[in-house]
């Protein structure tokens, strides 16, 4: 293989990985928001139980 081909292939693979990573992070925003709400409600329950 030529060095130029290897470099282009590596760039293409890296671009695809970055695209999949970005899509995964954007898709997880909704899940992270839900997790934050669950943690908040759990903290409120502990706070109420301590009163």
Foldseek 3Di string as FASTA:
>chain_A
DDPVVVVVVVVVVVVVVVVVVVVVVVVCPVVVVVVVVVVVVVVVVVVVVVD
